[in-house]
Amino acid sequence: MKSMKVLMITVLMCSVMALPLVYANDQGGKHEWRGKKIQEIYNQLNLTDDQKKQLESNKQKQRQQMKAVFEQMKTQREAFRQELMKPNLDMAKINSIHAQMKTLQEQMADNRLNSILEVRKILTVDQFSKFTSLMEQHRHKPSSKGEHKASEHEESE
């Protein structure tokens, strides 16, 4: 249970670190707001310029990897949908596509883990500890837009 919580925190951490890149084309100040939040976290962690550069590089690499896998997943989902809509099901084809989709999901999880491990290498033990604490606080903080956080949703089920 504890290892699952640590994994969830680290996944959340990587997601938050990737936000500025994910929303780079977003309009209405969302990108600016998220960028400020990331800078606040960087400041609280007292990161060096070199650490900031390494983290930005890691985010960029993670984003590129995820984009490629997402595109492959999108293609496989469409192929899967098309196979399911055919009058005569080809179970071998359906199972093959499904296996490819599971492989892509595993690849995404591996990419996230590798990114987390890279962040762990960049930050000191104290910085990483503080970072996970900040991410946990952020995760439980109520949203100003009335949106529910994942933890709130899980608790209500």
N, C-alpha and C. Protein backbone atom coordinates (compact mmCIF):
# COMPACT_ATOMS: atom_id res chain seq x y z
N MET A 1 0.82 -1.19 0.00
CA MET A 1 0.00 0.00 0.00
C MET A 1 0.87 1.26 0.00
N LYS A 2 1.93 1.24 0.81
CA LYS A 2 2.81 2.39 0.88
C LYS A 2 3.52 2.60 -0.46
N SER A 3 3.93 1.51 -1.10
CA SER A 3 4.62 1.65 -2.39
C SER A 3 3.66 2.20 -3.45
N MET A 4 2.38 1.85 -3.37
CA MET A 4 1.40 2.38 -4.31
C MET A 4 1.23 3.87 -4.10
N LYS A 5 1.22 4.31 -2.85
CA LYS A 5 1.08 5.73 -2.55
C LYS A 5 2.30 6.49 -3.07
N VAL A 6 3.48 5.94 -2.88
CA VAL A 6 4.71 6.58 -3.37
C VAL A 6 4.67 6.66 -4.89
N LEU A 7 4.23 5.59 -5.55
CA LEU A 7 4.13 5.59 -7.00
C LEU A 7 3.14 6.65 -7.47
N MET A 8 2.00 6.75 -6.82
CA MET A 8 1.00 7.75 -7.21
C MET A 8 1.53 9.16 -7.03
N ILE A 9 2.25 9.39 -5.95
CA ILE A 9 2.82 10.71 -5.71
C ILE A 9 3.84 11.04 -6.79
N THR A 10 4.68 10.09 -7.12
CA THR A 10 5.70 10.36 -8.13
C THR A 10 5.09 10.55 -9.51
N VAL A 11 4.03 9.81 -9.83
CA VAL A 11 3.34 10.01 -11.11
C VAL A 11 2.74 11.41 -11.14
N LEU A 12 2.12 11.81 -10.05
CA LEU A 12 1.55 13.14 -9.95
C LEU A 12 2.65 14.19 -10.10
N MET A 13 3.79 13.92 -9.48
CA MET A 13 4.91 14.84 -9.54
C MET A 13 5.36 15.06 -10.98
N CYS A 14 5.53 13.98 -11.71
CA CYS A 14 5.95 14.10 -13.11
C CYS A 14 4.90 14.82 -13.94
N SER A 15 3.65 14.53 -13.65
CA SER A 15 2.57 15.19 -14.38
C SER A 15 2.61 16.70 -14.15
N VAL A 16 2.79 17.10 -12.91
CA VAL A 16 2.85 18.52 -12.59
C VAL A 16 4.06 19.17 -13.26
N MET A 17 5.18 18.46 -13.26
CA MET A 17 6.38 19.03 -13.87
C MET A 17 6.22 19.16 -15.38
N ALA A 18 5.37 18.34 -15.98
CA ALA A 18 5.17 18.39 -17.42
C ALA A 18 4.10 19.40 -17.83
N LEU A 19 3.35 19.92 -16.89
CA LEU A 19 2.24 20.81 -17.21
C LEU A 19 2.61 22.00 -18.09
N PRO A 20 3.70 22.71 -17.82
CA PRO A 20 4.00 23.85 -18.68
C PRO A 20 4.17 23.46 -20.14
N LEU A 21 4.71 22.31 -20.41
CA LEU A 21 4.88 21.88 -21.79
C LEU A 21 3.57 21.40 -22.39
N VAL A 22 2.78 20.72 -21.62
CA VAL A 22 1.51 20.20 -22.12
C VAL A 22 0.58 21.34 -22.51
N TYR A 23 0.60 22.42 -21.75
CA TYR A 23 -0.29 23.53 -21.99
C TYR A 23 0.39 24.70 -22.70
N ALA A 24 1.45 24.43 -23.42
CA ALA A 24 2.21 25.49 -24.07
C ALA A 24 1.36 26.28 -25.05
N ASN A 25 0.40 25.64 -25.69
CA ASN A 25 -0.44 26.33 -26.67
C ASN A 25 -1.79 26.75 -26.10
N ASP A 26 -1.98 26.59 -24.81
CA ASP A 26 -3.24 26.91 -24.17
C ASP A 26 -3.44 28.43 -24.12
N GLN A 27 -4.66 28.88 -24.33
CA GLN A 27 -4.98 30.30 -24.29
C GLN A 27 -5.60 30.65 -22.94
N GLY A 28 -5.78 31.93 -22.68
CA GLY A 28 -6.49 32.39 -21.50
C GLY A 28 -5.67 32.41 -20.23
N GLY A 29 -4.36 32.39 -20.30
CA GLY A 29 -3.53 32.53 -19.13
C GLY A 29 -3.29 31.26 -18.34
N LYS A 30 -3.84 30.14 -18.78
CA LYS A 30 -3.62 28.90 -18.05
C LYS A 30 -2.15 28.52 -18.05
N HIS A 31 -1.50 28.68 -19.19
CA HIS A 31 -0.08 28.34 -19.29
C HIS A 31 0.72 29.23 -18.35
N GLU A 32 0.40 30.49 -18.34
CA GLU A 32 1.12 31.45 -17.49
C GLU A 32 0.93 31.09 -16.01
N TRP A 33 -0.30 30.74 -15.62
CA TRP A 33 -0.58 30.39 -14.24
C TRP A 33 0.19 29.15 -13.84
N ARG A 34 0.18 28.11 -14.69
CA ARG A 34 0.89 26.88 -14.38
C ARG A 34 2.40 27.11 -14.34
N GLY A 35 2.88 27.95 -15.24
CA GLY A 35 4.31 28.28 -15.24
C GLY A 35 4.72 28.97 -13.95
N LYS A 36 3.85 29.84 -13.43
CA LYS A 36 4.13 30.51 -12.16
C LYS A 36 4.16 29.51 -11.02
N LYS A 37 3.22 28.55 -11.05
CA LYS A 37 3.17 27.53 -10.00
C LYS A 37 4.45 26.69 -10.01
N ILE A 38 4.89 26.32 -11.19
CA ILE A 38 6.13 25.53 -11.30
C ILE A 38 7.30 26.35 -10.78
N GLN A 39 7.35 27.64 -11.12
CA GLN A 39 8.43 28.49 -10.64
C GLN A 39 8.40 28.63 -9.12
N GLU A 40 7.20 28.70 -8.56
CA GLU A 40 7.07 28.75 -7.09
C GLU A 40 7.67 27.49 -6.46
N ILE A 41 7.35 26.36 -7.06
CA ILE A 41 7.88 25.09 -6.54
C ILE A 41 9.40 25.07 -6.68
N TYR A 42 9.89 25.48 -7.84
CA TYR A 42 11.34 25.54 -8.05
C TYR A 42 11.99 26.42 -6.99
N ASN A 43 11.39 27.57 -6.71
CA ASN A 43 11.94 28.48 -5.71
C ASN A 43 11.92 27.87 -4.31
N GLN A 44 10.84 27.18 -3.98
CA GLN A 44 10.74 26.56 -2.66
C GLN A 44 11.77 25.45 -2.50
N LEU A 45 12.16 24.84 -3.60
CA LEU A 45 13.15 23.76 -3.55
C LEU A 45 14.58 24.29 -3.62
N ASN A 46 14.73 25.60 -3.84
CA ASN A 46 16.05 26.22 -3.98
C ASN A 46 16.89 25.49 -5.03
N LEU A 47 16.32 25.33 -6.22
CA LEU A 47 17.02 24.65 -7.30
C LEU A 47 18.13 25.52 -7.87
N THR A 48 19.19 24.87 -8.29
CA THR A 48 20.25 25.59 -8.99
C THR A 48 19.82 25.77 -10.44
N ASP A 49 20.49 26.65 -11.16
CA ASP A 49 20.19 26.84 -12.57
C ASP A 49 20.40 25.54 -13.34
N ASP A 50 21.43 24.81 -12.97
CA ASP A 50 21.71 23.54 -13.64
C ASP A 50 20.58 22.53 -13.40
N GLN A 51 20.07 22.47 -12.17
CA GLN A 51 18.96 21.57 -11.88
C GLN A 51 17.73 21.96 -12.68
N LYS A 52 17.46 23.26 -12.77
CA LYS A 52 16.31 23.72 -13.55
C LYS A 52 16.44 23.29 -15.01
N LYS A 53 17.63 23.45 -15.56
CA LYS A 53 17.86 23.06 -16.96
C LYS A 53 17.68 21.55 -17.13
N GLN A 54 18.19 20.79 -16.19
CA GLN A 54 18.04 19.34 -16.27
C GLN A 54 16.58 18.92 -16.16
N LEU A 55 15.84 19.57 -15.27
CA LEU A 55 14.42 19.24 -15.12
C LEU A 55 13.64 19.62 -16.38
N GLU A 56 13.95 20.76 -16.95
CA GLU A 56 13.28 21.17 -18.19
C GLU A 56 13.60 20.20 -19.32
N SER A 57 14.83 19.76 -19.40
CA SER A 57 15.23 18.79 -20.40
C SER A 57 14.49 17.47 -20.20
N ASN A 58 14.37 17.05 -18.96
CA ASN A 58 13.64 15.83 -18.63
C ASN A 58 12.17 15.95 -19.03
N LYS A 59 11.57 17.10 -18.76
CA LYS A 59 10.17 17.32 -19.12
C LYS A 59 9.99 17.24 -20.64
N GLN A 60 10.91 17.87 -21.36
CA GLN A 60 10.83 17.88 -22.82
C GLN A 60 10.94 16.46 -23.37
N LYS A 61 11.89 15.71 -22.84
CA LYS A 61 12.09 14.32 -23.27
C LYS A 61 10.84 13.50 -22.97
N GLN A 62 10.30 13.65 -21.77
CA GLN A 62 9.10 12.93 -21.36
C GLN A 62 7.93 13.27 -22.27
N ARG A 63 7.79 14.54 -22.57
CA ARG A 63 6.69 14.99 -23.42
C ARG A 63 6.80 14.38 -24.81
N GLN A 64 8.00 14.38 -25.37
CA GLN A 64 8.19 13.81 -26.71
C GLN A 64 7.89 12.32 -26.72
N GLN A 65 8.36 11.62 -25.71
CA GLN A 65 8.09 10.19 -25.63
C GLN A 65 6.60 9.92 -25.51
N MET A 66 5.94 10.65 -24.63
CA MET A 66 4.51 10.43 -24.41
C MET A 66 3.70 10.79 -25.65
N LYS A 67 4.09 11.83 -26.33
CA LYS A 67 3.38 12.23 -27.54
C LYS A 67 3.44 11.12 -28.58
N ALA A 68 4.61 10.54 -28.76
CA ALA A 68 4.77 9.46 -29.73
C ALA A 68 3.93 8.25 -29.35
N VAL A 69 3.95 7.89 -28.08
CA VAL A 69 3.18 6.72 -27.64
C VAL A 69 1.68 7.01 -27.72
N PHE A 70 1.26 8.23 -27.38
CA PHE A 70 -0.15 8.59 -27.47
C PHE A 70 -0.65 8.48 -28.91
N GLU A 71 0.17 8.90 -29.86
CA GLU A 71 -0.21 8.80 -31.26
C GLU A 71 -0.38 7.34 -31.68
N GLN A 72 0.54 6.50 -31.23
CA GLN A 72 0.43 5.07 -31.52
C GLN A 72 -0.82 4.49 -30.87
N MET A 73 -1.09 4.89 -29.65
CA MET A 73 -2.27 4.41 -28.94
C MET A 73 -3.54 4.84 -29.66
N LYS A 74 -3.57 6.07 -30.12
CA LYS A 74 -4.73 6.58 -30.85
C LYS A 74 -4.98 5.74 -32.11
N THR A 75 -3.93 5.41 -32.83
CA THR A 75 -4.04 4.58 -34.03
C THR A 75 -4.58 3.20 -33.68
N GLN A 76 -4.06 2.62 -32.60
CA GLN A 76 -4.50 1.29 -32.20
C GLN A 76 -5.97 1.30 -31.72
N ARG A 77 -6.36 2.34 -31.03
CA ARG A 77 -7.75 2.43 -30.57
C ARG A 77 -8.71 2.51 -31.76
N GLU A 78 -8.31 3.29 -32.76
CA GLU A 78 -9.14 3.41 -33.95
C GLU A 78 -9.23 2.07 -34.68
N ALA A 79 -8.11 1.38 -34.80
CA ALA A 79 -8.10 0.06 -35.44
C ALA A 79 -8.98 -0.91 -34.65
N PHE A 80 -8.88 -0.83 -33.34
CA PHE A 80 -9.69 -1.69 -32.47
C PHE A 80 -11.18 -1.42 -32.68
N ARG A 81 -11.53 -0.15 -32.68
CA ARG A 81 -12.92 0.25 -32.89
C ARG A 81 -13.43 -0.25 -34.23
N GLN A 82 -12.63 -0.10 -35.27
CA GLN A 82 -13.04 -0.54 -36.60
C GLN A 82 -13.24 -2.06 -36.64
N GLU A 83 -12.35 -2.78 -35.99
CA GLU A 83 -12.49 -4.24 -35.96
C GLU A 83 -13.77 -4.65 -35.25
N LEU A 84 -14.10 -3.97 -34.17
CA LEU A 84 -15.31 -4.29 -33.42
C LEU A 84 -16.58 -3.99 -34.21
N MET A 85 -16.50 -3.05 -35.14
CA MET A 85 -17.68 -2.65 -35.91
C MET A 85 -17.92 -3.54 -37.13
N LYS A 86 -16.98 -4.38 -37.47
CA LYS A 86 -17.13 -5.25 -38.64
C LYS A 86 -18.20 -6.31 -38.35
N PRO A 87 -18.95 -6.69 -39.38
CA PRO A 87 -20.00 -7.71 -39.19
C PRO A 87 -19.45 -9.05 -38.70
N ASN A 88 -18.30 -9.45 -39.22
CA ASN A 88 -17.67 -10.70 -38.82
C ASN A 88 -16.40 -10.39 -38.02
N LEU A 89 -16.43 -10.73 -36.75
CA LEU A 89 -15.30 -10.43 -35.89
C LEU A 89 -14.12 -11.36 -36.19
N ASP A 90 -12.95 -10.75 -36.29
CA ASP A 90 -11.70 -11.51 -36.43
C ASP A 90 -11.03 -11.46 -35.06
N MET A 91 -11.28 -12.47 -34.25
CA MET A 91 -10.78 -12.45 -32.87
C MET A 91 -9.26 -12.43 -32.81
N ALA A 92 -8.59 -13.04 -33.75
CA ALA A 92 -7.13 -13.00 -33.76
C ALA A 92 -6.65 -11.56 -33.95
N LYS A 93 -7.29 -10.82 -34.83
CA LYS A 93 -6.93 -9.42 -35.09
C LYS A 93 -7.26 -8.56 -33.86
N ILE A 94 -8.44 -8.79 -33.30
CA ILE A 94 -8.84 -8.03 -32.11
C ILE A 94 -7.88 -8.28 -30.96
N ASN A 95 -7.53 -9.54 -30.73
CA ASN A 95 -6.59 -9.87 -29.65
C ASN A 95 -5.21 -9.29 -29.91
N SER A 96 -4.80 -9.28 -31.17
CA SER A 96 -3.50 -8.71 -31.53
C SER A 96 -3.46 -7.20 -31.24
N ILE A 97 -4.50 -6.50 -31.66
CA ILE A 97 -4.57 -5.05 -31.42
C ILE A 97 -4.63 -4.78 -29.92
N HIS A 98 -5.41 -5.58 -29.21
CA HIS A 98 -5.52 -5.40 -27.76
C HIS A 98 -4.17 -5.60 -27.08
N ALA A 99 -3.44 -6.60 -27.51
CA ALA A 99 -2.10 -6.85 -26.96
C ALA A 99 -1.17 -5.67 -27.24
N GLN A 100 -1.27 -5.11 -28.43
CA GLN A 100 -0.44 -3.94 -28.77
C GLN A 100 -0.80 -2.75 -27.89
N MET A 101 -2.09 -2.58 -27.62
CA MET A 101 -2.53 -1.48 -26.75
C MET A 101 -2.00 -1.67 -25.33
N LYS A 102 -2.01 -2.89 -24.83
CA LYS A 102 -1.48 -3.16 -23.49
C LYS A 102 0.03 -2.89 -23.46
N THR A 103 0.72 -3.26 -24.52
CA THR A 103 2.16 -3.00 -24.59
C THR A 103 2.44 -1.50 -24.56
N LEU A 104 1.62 -0.73 -25.29
CA LEU A 104 1.79 0.72 -25.29
C LEU A 104 1.51 1.31 -23.91
N GLN A 105 0.51 0.78 -23.21
CA GLN A 105 0.22 1.26 -21.85
C GLN A 105 1.39 0.96 -20.92
N GLU A 106 1.98 -0.21 -21.08
CA GLU A 106 3.16 -0.55 -20.27
C GLU A 106 4.32 0.38 -20.61
N GLN A 107 4.47 0.71 -21.88
CA GLN A 107 5.53 1.62 -22.29
C GLN A 107 5.32 3.01 -21.68
N MET A 108 4.07 3.47 -21.64
CA MET A 108 3.79 4.76 -21.01
C MET A 108 4.15 4.74 -19.53
N ALA A 109 3.79 3.66 -18.85
CA ALA A 109 4.12 3.53 -17.42
C ALA A 109 5.63 3.49 -17.23
N ASP A 110 6.34 2.76 -18.09
CA ASP A 110 7.80 2.70 -18.00
C ASP A 110 8.42 4.08 -18.24
N ASN A 111 7.89 4.81 -19.22
CA ASN A 111 8.39 6.16 -19.51
C ASN A 111 8.20 7.08 -18.31
N ARG A 112 7.01 6.99 -17.68
CA ARG A 112 6.76 7.82 -16.49
C ARG A 112 7.72 7.47 -15.36
N LEU A 113 7.90 6.17 -15.14
CA LEU A 113 8.81 5.75 -14.08
C LEU A 113 10.24 6.23 -14.37
N ASN A 114 10.69 6.08 -15.59
CA ASN A 114 12.04 6.53 -15.94
C ASN A 114 12.19 8.04 -15.74
N SER A 115 11.14 8.78 -16.06
CA SER A 115 11.18 10.23 -15.85
C SER A 115 11.26 10.56 -14.36
N ILE A 116 10.50 9.84 -13.55
CA ILE A 116 10.53 10.04 -12.10
C ILE A 116 11.92 9.73 -11.56
N LEU A 117 12.49 8.64 -12.02
CA LEU A 117 13.83 8.27 -11.56
C LEU A 117 14.86 9.30 -11.98
N GLU A 118 14.67 9.89 -13.15
CA GLU A 118 15.59 10.94 -13.61
C GLU A 118 15.45 12.17 -12.72
N VAL A 119 14.22 12.52 -12.36
CA VAL A 119 13.99 13.66 -11.45
C VAL A 119 14.67 13.38 -10.12
N ARG A 120 14.56 12.14 -9.66
CA ARG A 120 15.18 11.75 -8.39
C ARG A 120 16.70 11.91 -8.45
N LYS A 121 17.29 11.64 -9.61
CA LYS A 121 18.74 11.82 -9.77
C LYS A 121 19.13 13.29 -9.77
N ILE A 122 18.26 14.14 -10.31
CA ILE A 122 18.56 15.57 -10.43
C ILE A 122 18.46 16.27 -9.08
N LEU A 123 17.44 15.92 -8.31
CA LEU A 123 17.22 16.57 -7.02
C LEU A 123 18.02 15.89 -5.92
N THR A 124 18.33 16.66 -4.90
CA THR A 124 18.95 16.07 -3.72
C THR A 124 17.88 15.29 -2.96
N VAL A 125 18.29 14.51 -2.00
CA VAL A 125 17.33 13.73 -1.20
C VAL A 125 16.34 14.68 -0.51
N ASP A 126 16.86 15.77 0.07
CA ASP A 126 15.99 16.72 0.76
C ASP A 126 15.03 17.41 -0.22
N GLN A 127 15.54 17.80 -1.39
CA GLN A 127 14.69 18.44 -2.38
C GLN A 127 13.58 17.50 -2.85
N PHE A 128 13.95 16.26 -3.09
CA PHE A 128 12.97 15.29 -3.56
C PHE A 128 11.90 15.05 -2.50
N SER A 129 12.33 14.96 -1.26
CA SER A 129 11.39 14.78 -0.16
C SER A 129 10.44 15.97 -0.06
N LYS A 130 10.99 17.17 -0.14
CA LYS A 130 10.16 18.37 -0.07
C LYS A 130 9.24 18.44 -1.29
N PHE A 131 9.77 18.06 -2.44
CA PHE A 131 8.97 18.07 -3.66
C PHE A 131 7.76 17.14 -3.54
N THR A 132 7.97 15.93 -3.07
CA THR A 132 6.85 15.00 -2.92
C THR A 132 5.84 15.53 -1.90
N SER A 133 6.33 16.19 -0.88
CA SER A 133 5.44 16.80 0.11
C SER A 133 4.61 17.92 -0.52
N LEU A 134 5.25 18.76 -1.33
CA LEU A 134 4.53 19.84 -2.02
C LEU A 134 3.49 19.28 -2.98
N MET A 135 3.83 18.21 -3.67
CA MET A 135 2.90 17.60 -4.61
C MET A 135 1.71 16.98 -3.87
N GLU A 136 1.98 16.41 -2.72
CA GLU A 136 0.89 15.84 -1.91
C GLU A 136 -0.04 16.96 -1.43
N GLN A 137 0.53 18.07 -1.01
CA GLN A 137 -0.28 19.21 -0.59
C GLN A 137 -1.13 19.72 -1.75
N HIS A 138 -0.49 19.82 -2.91
CA HIS A 138 -1.19 20.30 -4.11
C HIS A 138 -2.33 19.35 -4.48
N ARG A 139 -2.10 18.07 -4.32
CA ARG A 139 -3.08 17.06 -4.67
C ARG A 139 -4.33 17.18 -3.80
N HIS A 140 -4.16 17.54 -2.55
CA HIS A 140 -5.29 17.62 -1.62
C HIS A 140 -5.86 19.03 -1.50
N LYS A 141 -5.27 19.99 -2.19
CA LYS A 141 -5.74 21.36 -2.12
C LYS A 141 -7.01 21.51 -2.97
N PRO A 142 -8.07 22.10 -2.43
CA PRO A 142 -9.29 22.29 -3.22
C PRO A 142 -9.03 23.20 -4.41
N SER A 143 -9.65 22.88 -5.51
CA SER A 143 -9.50 23.67 -6.73
C SER A 143 -10.34 24.94 -6.63
N SER A 144 -9.82 26.01 -7.19
CA SER A 144 -10.55 27.28 -7.16
C SER A 144 -11.66 27.30 -8.21
N LYS A 145 -11.65 26.35 -9.14
CA LYS A 145 -12.66 26.32 -10.19
C LYS A 145 -13.76 25.32 -9.90
N GLY A 146 -13.77 24.75 -8.70
CA GLY A 146 -14.81 23.82 -8.34
C GLY A 146 -14.59 22.42 -8.90
N GLU A 147 -13.42 22.18 -9.48
CA GLU A 147 -13.12 20.87 -10.02
C GLU A 147 -12.73 19.95 -8.88
N HIS A 148 -12.97 18.68 -9.04
CA HIS A 148 -12.61 17.71 -8.03
C HIS A 148 -11.25 17.13 -8.34
N LYS A 149 -10.43 17.04 -7.35
CA LYS A 149 -9.12 16.39 -7.48
C LYS A 149 -9.33 14.89 -7.47
N ALA A 150 -8.35 14.17 -7.95
CA ALA A 150 -8.44 12.70 -8.02
C ALA A 150 -8.73 12.10 -6.65
N SER A 151 -8.08 12.62 -5.62
CA SER A 151 -8.26 12.06 -4.29
C SER A 151 -9.68 12.26 -3.78
N GLU A 152 -10.29 13.40 -4.11
CA GLU A 152 -11.66 13.66 -3.69
C GLU A 152 -12.61 12.69 -4.40
N HIS A 153 -12.34 12.45 -5.68
CA HIS A 153 -13.17 11.54 -6.46
C HIS A 153 -13.08 10.13 -5.90
N GLU A 154 -11.87 9.70 -5.56
CA GLU A 154 -11.66 8.36 -5.04
C GLU A 154 -12.36 8.18 -3.71
N GLU A 155 -12.33 9.22 -2.86
CA GLU A 155 -12.93 9.12 -1.55
C GLU A 155 -14.45 9.03 -1.64
N SER A 156 -15.03 9.63 -2.67
CA SER A 156 -16.49 9.64 -2.79
C SER A 156 -17.03 8.34 -3.35
N GLU A 157 -16.17 7.47 -3.89
CA GLU A 157 -16.64 6.21 -4.48
C GLU A 157 -16.81 5.13 -3.45
